[in-house]
Amino acid sequence: MTHPFPALLFAIAMLAPGMALAQGQSAPPSEPTKVVARINGEDVTQADLDGEIMRLLSRGGRVTPQILEQYRAEATPKAFDQLVIKSQLKAYAKKNQVSVSDSDLAGEISKIKAQFPSEEEFKDRLAQQGLTEESLKEQMKPDMLFSKVVQHYANSIPNPTTAELESYYNEHQAEYAQGEQVRASHILIGFEPTDDTAKKEAKKTQAESLKKELDGGADFAELAKQHSSCPSKAQGGDLGPFPRGAMVAEFEKVAFELQPGQISDVVETQFGYHIIKVAEHSKGETPAFVSVKDQIRQDMRENGLETWFKTLIKEAKVEHL
């Protein structure tokens, strides 16, 4: 199972070093100096809140003033939660002596430089955004600190025992279940949307003729290689395994009704005329504990972090003005 990254962890997922080199953001804050809240005794201005909203929205592209206003109300609660979390992470860093060293910064700068063809192009990009290497480091430093704090806390979470992992597995087996799927091959006699009725009928006749050959014992893979218009012809028409919802409805219905080894009649879809052969049909199963043990450990770790973030928000001293 691929567990969805917890919503509150989005605050950290977006704190990637080097964000200052992202696409420029142009939306100005409204009443930027207005104090809208206090978090742990520190003032939060409208500019602070708008900046956090823009960080959220900028993951989808450039943020214009119109976009900011359109989504401000919707994004404000999540943005404010992130400001609360950041305040709490700074307090944690101070208490636990977590910091970002010069070598940490130098290492991240080196990674960013490696993304550019040359040092000159790196500096040109900085200049375009009104930055120097030193000012970029200053912009990166808070985000790197937050990441280090989260890692520091994550490292303090005890590793679950095998018994705990098994208990979690037993309680959440449905989340790790693999869905029904089939492995099928097909021969496609394709047609174009612009083909007239006569052309389509001719291709249908060709498909029906191939089906008769198959009924007479012809090799499916060989006929696919010779006649199919699908790129899968190179593999004898083999499409590999696929779940429900992966194919167009007409194809899926027939494929999931066939038993292994069965060959369908001619099936029409928007792509043409298909003859389908199913090799395997899995009804879905829950994988063995050992095969998902590492994923369970990661899921439990993420759950622990999510709980911590919720606790940070709950314990913060917040005053809305």
Protein backbone atom coordinates (compact mmCIF):
# COMPACT_ATOMS: atom_id res chain seq x y z
CA MET A 1 0.00 0.00 0.00
CA THR A 2 1.13 3.55 -0.68
CA HIS A 3 -0.04 5.43 2.38
CA PRO A 4 -1.16 9.04 1.70
CA PHE A 5 1.26 11.50 3.25
CA PRO A 6 -0.61 12.90 6.27
CA ALA A 7 -2.11 16.33 5.63
CA LEU A 8 -0.25 17.98 8.47
CA LEU A 9 3.05 16.68 7.12
CA PHE A 10 2.42 18.84 4.07
CA ALA A 11 3.93 21.61 6.15
CA ILE A 12 7.26 19.83 6.08
CA ALA A 13 6.97 18.33 2.61
CA MET A 14 6.94 21.83 1.17
CA LEU A 15 9.95 23.00 3.18
CA ALA A 16 12.48 21.89 0.60
CA PRO A 17 15.83 23.69 0.49
CA GLY A 18 16.25 25.81 -2.60
CA MET A 19 12.67 27.01 -2.83
CA ALA A 20 13.97 30.54 -3.28
CA LEU A 21 14.97 29.52 -6.80
CA ALA A 22 11.39 28.65 -7.68
CA GLN A 23 9.16 30.68 -9.98
CA GLY A 24 8.68 34.24 -8.71
CA GLN A 25 5.59 35.09 -6.70
CA SER A 26 3.98 38.41 -7.38
CA ALA A 27 0.84 38.62 -5.25
CA PRO A 28 1.12 41.50 -2.73
CA PRO A 29 -0.32 41.12 0.78
CA SER A 30 -3.35 43.19 1.75
CA GLU A 31 -2.77 45.45 4.81
CA PRO A 32 0.62 43.80 5.27
CA THR A 33 1.45 45.32 8.66
CA LYS A 34 -1.88 44.49 10.31
CA VAL A 35 -1.40 42.11 13.24
CA VAL A 36 -3.96 39.32 12.83
CA ALA A 37 -2.85 36.94 15.60
CA ARG A 38 -0.23 36.10 18.19
CA ILE A 39 1.46 32.72 18.35
CA ASN A 40 3.45 31.96 21.48
CA GLY A 41 3.58 35.69 22.21
CA GLU A 42 4.87 36.69 18.76
CA ASP A 43 2.84 38.90 16.43
CA VAL A 44 1.61 37.42 13.15
CA THR A 45 0.95 40.04 10.49
CA GLN A 46 -1.28 39.80 7.46
CA ALA A 47 1.92 39.68 5.40
CA ASP A 48 3.08 36.62 7.36
CA LEU A 49 -0.22 34.86 6.77
CA ASP A 50 -0.40 35.85 3.09
CA GLY A 51 3.15 34.63 2.61
CA GLU A 52 2.22 31.22 3.99
CA ILE A 53 -0.91 31.10 1.83
CA MET A 54 1.22 31.88 -1.21
CA ARG A 55 3.59 29.04 -0.32
CA LEU A 56 0.64 26.69 -0.37
CA LEU A 57 -0.79 28.00 -3.61
CA SER A 58 2.54 28.31 -5.41
CA ARG A 59 2.84 24.53 -5.60
CA GLY A 60 0.33 24.83 -8.44
CA GLY A 61 2.20 27.59 -10.27
CA ARG A 62 2.60 31.35 -10.19
CA VAL A 63 0.44 33.15 -7.64
CA THR A 64 -1.27 36.28 -8.92
CA PRO A 65 -3.18 38.77 -6.73
CA GLN A 66 -6.40 37.40 -8.21
CA ILE A 67 -5.52 33.81 -7.26
CA LEU A 68 -4.54 34.89 -3.76
CA GLU A 69 -7.87 36.64 -3.21
CA GLN A 70 -9.84 33.78 -4.76
CA TYR A 71 -8.38 31.13 -2.46
CA ARG A 72 -7.48 33.20 0.61
CA ALA A 73 -10.46 32.08 2.72
CA GLU A 74 -10.05 28.42 1.79
CA ALA A 75 -6.29 28.33 2.37
CA THR A 76 -6.12 30.46 5.52
CA PRO A 77 -6.80 27.69 8.11
CA LYS A 78 -4.09 25.40 6.72
CA ALA A 79 -1.67 28.31 6.33
CA PHE A 80 -2.27 29.41 9.90
CA ASP A 81 -1.70 25.86 11.18
CA GLN A 82 1.65 25.88 9.41
CA LEU A 83 2.62 29.15 11.08
CA VAL A 84 1.72 27.58 14.43
CA ILE A 85 3.77 24.48 13.65
CA LYS A 86 6.76 26.58 12.57
CA SER A 87 6.63 28.56 15.81
CA GLN A 88 6.56 25.34 17.80
CA LEU A 89 9.39 23.84 15.75
CA LYS A 90 11.56 26.88 16.46
CA ALA A 91 10.89 26.43 20.17
CA TYR A 92 11.77 22.74 19.91
CA ALA A 93 15.01 23.61 18.09
CA LYS A 94 16.02 26.02 20.84
CA LYS A 95 15.18 23.57 23.62
CA ASN A 96 16.98 20.65 21.96
CA GLN A 97 19.89 22.62 20.50
CA VAL A 98 19.07 21.76 16.90
CA SER A 99 20.70 24.12 14.41
CA VAL A 100 21.78 24.48 10.81
CA SER A 101 25.54 24.63 10.36
CA ASP A 102 27.54 26.40 7.68
CA SER A 103 28.46 23.01 6.25
CA ASP A 104 24.75 22.09 6.05
CA LEU A 105 24.09 25.23 4.05
CA ALA A 106 27.13 24.71 1.83
CA GLY A 107 25.98 21.18 1.07
CA GLU A 108 22.52 22.32 0.00
CA ILE A 109 23.96 25.13 -2.11
CA SER A 110 26.15 22.58 -3.87
CA LYS A 111 23.08 20.46 -4.66
CA ILE A 112 21.33 23.48 -6.15
CA LYS A 113 24.37 24.47 -8.19
CA ALA A 114 24.51 20.96 -9.61
CA GLN A 115 21.14 21.61 -11.24
CA PHE A 116 22.66 24.34 -13.42
CA PRO A 117 24.99 23.85 -16.38
CA SER A 118 27.52 26.29 -14.95
CA GLU A 119 28.33 28.51 -11.98
CA GLU A 120 27.63 31.53 -14.16
CA GLU A 121 24.09 30.39 -14.97
CA PHE A 122 23.47 29.73 -11.29
CA LYS A 123 24.52 33.28 -10.41
CA ASP A 124 22.48 34.70 -13.29
CA ARG A 125 19.39 32.96 -11.95
CA LEU A 126 20.05 34.37 -8.50
CA ALA A 127 20.49 37.85 -9.94
CA GLN A 128 17.20 37.59 -11.81
CA GLN A 129 15.49 37.13 -8.46
CA GLY A 130 17.48 39.81 -6.69
CA LEU A 131 19.48 37.31 -4.67
CA THR A 132 23.09 36.56 -3.87
CA GLU A 133 24.46 33.26 -2.67
CA GLU A 134 24.54 34.58 0.89
CA SER A 135 20.98 35.91 0.80
CA LEU A 136 19.83 32.59 -0.64
CA LYS A 137 21.42 30.83 2.32
CA GLU A 138 19.53 33.10 4.69
CA GLN A 139 16.26 32.28 2.94
CA MET A 140 17.01 28.56 3.06
CA LYS A 141 18.10 28.43 6.68
CA PRO A 142 14.66 28.47 8.39
CA ASP A 143 13.28 25.74 6.15
CA MET A 144 16.36 23.60 6.66
CA LEU A 145 15.99 24.07 10.41
CA PHE A 146 12.39 22.88 10.32
CA SER A 147 13.43 19.79 8.38
CA LYS A 148 16.21 19.03 10.85
CA VAL A 149 13.84 19.43 13.79
CA VAL A 150 11.35 17.00 12.29
CA GLN A 151 14.15 14.51 11.61
CA HIS A 152 15.43 14.96 15.17
CA TYR A 153 12.01 14.18 16.59
CA ALA A 154 11.45 11.30 14.18
CA ASN A 155 14.72 9.75 15.31
CA SER A 156 13.47 9.90 18.89
CA ILE A 157 10.40 7.78 18.11
CA PRO A 158 11.15 4.24 19.30
CA ASN A 159 11.28 1.65 16.55
CA PRO A 160 8.17 -0.53 16.77
CA THR A 161 8.72 -4.12 17.83
CA THR A 162 7.79 -6.98 15.55
CA ALA A 163 4.77 -7.61 17.79
CA GLU A 164 3.65 -3.99 17.36
CA LEU A 165 4.12 -4.18 13.61
CA GLU A 166 2.09 -7.38 13.45
CA SER A 167 -0.64 -5.85 15.61
CA TYR A 168 -0.85 -2.83 13.29
CA TYR A 169 -0.95 -5.15 10.28
CA ASN A 170 -3.80 -7.18 11.76
CA GLU A 171 -5.81 -4.03 12.49
CA HIS A 172 -5.23 -2.45 9.06
CA GLN A 173 -5.11 -5.41 6.69
CA ALA A 174 -7.73 -3.88 4.40
CA GLU A 175 -5.43 -0.92 3.74
CA TYR A 176 -2.75 -3.21 2.35
CA ALA A 177 -5.01 -5.40 0.25
CA GLN A 178 -4.18 -5.65 -3.44
CA GLY A 179 -7.21 -5.29 -5.69
CA GLU A 180 -8.59 -7.61 -8.34
CA GLN A 181 -6.65 -7.61 -11.58
CA VAL A 182 -6.22 -9.57 -14.78
CA ARG A 183 -3.33 -10.19 -17.13
CA ALA A 184 -4.51 -10.14 -20.71
CA SER A 185 -3.33 -10.00 -24.30
CA HIS A 186 -5.24 -8.61 -27.25
CA ILE A 187 -5.24 -8.30 -30.98
CA LEU A 188 -6.41 -4.87 -32.09
CA ILE A 189 -7.69 -4.12 -35.55
CA GLY A 190 -7.81 -0.39 -35.12
CA PHE A 191 -9.88 2.18 -36.92
CA GLU A 192 -9.83 5.95 -37.09
CA PRO A 193 -12.73 8.13 -35.89
CA THR A 194 -12.94 9.47 -39.44
CA ASP A 195 -13.32 6.00 -41.02
CA ASP A 196 -16.64 5.54 -42.78
CA THR A 197 -18.99 2.62 -42.18
CA ALA A 198 -17.56 0.58 -45.04
CA LYS A 199 -14.01 0.81 -43.67
CA LYS A 200 -15.13 -0.13 -40.18
CA GLU A 201 -17.09 -3.10 -41.48
CA ALA A 202 -14.05 -4.30 -43.42
CA LYS A 203 -11.94 -4.15 -40.28
CA LYS A 204 -14.60 -5.92 -38.26
CA THR A 205 -14.65 -8.67 -40.87
CA GLN A 206 -10.86 -8.95 -40.55
CA ALA A 207 -11.14 -9.28 -36.77
CA GLU A 208 -13.84 -11.94 -37.09
CA SER A 209 -11.66 -13.85 -39.54
CA LEU A 210 -8.79 -13.84 -37.04
CA LYS A 211 -11.14 -15.10 -34.34
CA LYS A 212 -12.02 -18.05 -36.55
CA GLU A 213 -8.33 -18.82 -36.96
CA LEU A 214 -7.92 -18.77 -33.19
CA ASP A 215 -10.91 -21.06 -32.76
CA GLY A 216 -9.15 -23.40 -35.18
CA GLY A 217 -6.04 -23.55 -33.00
CA ALA A 218 -3.90 -20.67 -34.35
CA ASP A 219 -1.31 -19.22 -31.97
CA PHE A 220 -2.64 -16.02 -30.35
CA ALA A 221 0.76 -14.36 -29.88
CA GLU A 222 1.78 -15.02 -33.49
CA LEU A 223 -1.44 -13.55 -34.89
CA ALA A 224 -1.01 -10.51 -32.63
CA LYS A 225 2.52 -9.96 -33.92
CA GLN A 226 1.32 -10.21 -37.52
CA HIS A 227 -1.95 -8.28 -37.43
CA SER A 228 -2.42 -6.15 -34.30
CA SER A 229 -2.15 -2.37 -34.62
CA CYS A 230 -1.35 -1.96 -30.90
CA PRO A 231 2.30 -1.49 -29.83
CA SER A 232 1.79 -4.52 -27.58
CA LYS A 233 2.08 -6.63 -30.75
CA ALA A 234 5.82 -6.78 -30.09
CA GLN A 235 5.03 -8.80 -26.95
CA GLY A 236 2.48 -10.97 -28.68
CA GLY A 237 -0.30 -8.64 -27.59
CA ASP A 238 0.55 -8.96 -23.88
CA LEU A 239 -0.74 -5.94 -21.93
CA GLY A 240 0.54 -7.15 -18.59
CA PRO A 241 -1.57 -7.11 -15.41
CA PHE A 242 -4.06 -4.28 -14.87
CA PRO A 243 -6.78 -3.47 -12.29
CA ARG A 244 -10.35 -2.42 -12.83
CA GLY A 245 -10.59 1.12 -14.13
CA ALA A 246 -7.40 0.94 -16.18
CA MET A 247 -9.05 0.15 -19.53
CA VAL A 248 -12.07 1.50 -21.40
CA ALA A 249 -15.33 0.09 -20.09
CA GLU A 250 -16.15 -2.22 -23.02
CA PHE A 251 -12.70 -3.83 -22.88
CA GLU A 252 -12.66 -4.10 -19.09
CA LYS A 253 -16.08 -5.76 -18.88
CA VAL A 254 -15.08 -8.60 -21.17
CA ALA A 255 -11.56 -9.01 -19.78
CA PHE A 256 -12.79 -9.42 -16.21
CA GLU A 257 -15.53 -11.86 -17.24
CA LEU A 258 -13.15 -14.24 -19.05
CA GLN A 259 -11.53 -17.18 -17.31
CA PRO A 260 -7.77 -17.79 -17.71
CA GLY A 261 -7.11 -19.28 -21.14
CA GLN A 262 -10.39 -18.07 -22.64
CA ILE A 263 -10.52 -15.95 -25.79
CA SER A 264 -13.29 -13.43 -26.35
CA ASP A 265 -15.43 -12.76 -29.36
CA VAL A 266 -14.73 -9.52 -31.22
CA VAL A 267 -15.14 -6.51 -28.89
CA GLU A 268 -15.65 -3.00 -30.24
CA THR A 269 -14.25 0.06 -28.44
CA GLN A 270 -13.41 3.59 -29.50
CA PHE A 271 -10.01 2.28 -30.65
CA GLY A 272 -11.22 -0.49 -32.93
CA TYR A 273 -11.99 -4.21 -32.77
CA HIS A 274 -10.30 -6.33 -30.12
CA ILE A 275 -9.90 -10.02 -29.51
CA ILE A 276 -8.95 -10.55 -25.87
CA LYS A 277 -7.23 -13.47 -24.20
CA VAL A 278 -6.87 -13.64 -20.42
CA ALA A 279 -3.82 -15.39 -18.96
CA GLU A 280 -4.37 -14.74 -15.26
CA HIS A 281 -7.22 -13.46 -13.11
CA SER A 282 -6.45 -12.50 -9.52
CA LYS A 283 -9.45 -11.83 -7.29
CA GLY A 284 -7.37 -9.71 -4.95
CA GLU A 285 -5.47 -10.71 -1.86
CA THR A 286 -3.91 -9.36 1.29
CA PRO A 287 -0.11 -9.57 1.06
CA ALA A 288 1.79 -11.48 3.70
CA PHE A 289 3.01 -9.50 6.70
CA VAL A 290 6.66 -9.96 5.76
CA SER A 291 6.14 -8.37 2.33
CA VAL A 292 4.70 -5.13 3.77
CA LYS A 293 6.66 -4.99 7.02
CA ASP A 294 8.83 -2.07 5.91
CA GLN A 295 5.82 -0.13 4.64
CA ILE A 296 4.03 -0.68 7.95
CA ARG A 297 7.06 0.65 9.82
CA GLN A 298 7.02 3.78 7.62
CA ASP A 299 3.27 4.22 8.08
CA MET A 300 3.59 3.97 11.86
CA ARG A 301 6.41 6.51 11.77
CA GLU A 302 4.30 8.94 9.73
CA ASN A 303 1.36 8.43 12.06
CA GLY A 304 3.62 9.30 14.98
CA LEU A 305 4.71 12.50 13.28
CA GLU A 306 1.13 13.41 12.44
CA THR A 307 0.12 12.97 16.06
CA TRP A 308 3.04 15.15 17.10
CA PHE A 309 2.02 17.94 14.73
CA LYS A 310 -1.52 17.85 16.07
CA THR A 311 -0.14 18.07 19.59
CA LEU A 312 2.06 21.02 18.64
CA ILE A 313 -0.96 22.89 17.30
CA LYS A 314 -3.06 22.04 20.34
CA GLU A 315 -0.40 23.10 22.85
CA ALA A 316 0.55 26.38 21.16
CA LYS A 317 -0.55 29.64 22.78
CA VAL A 318 -2.64 31.22 20.03
CA GLU A 319 -4.54 34.49 20.17
CA HIS A 320 -6.64 35.58 17.19
CA LEU A 321 -7.05 39.36 16.88
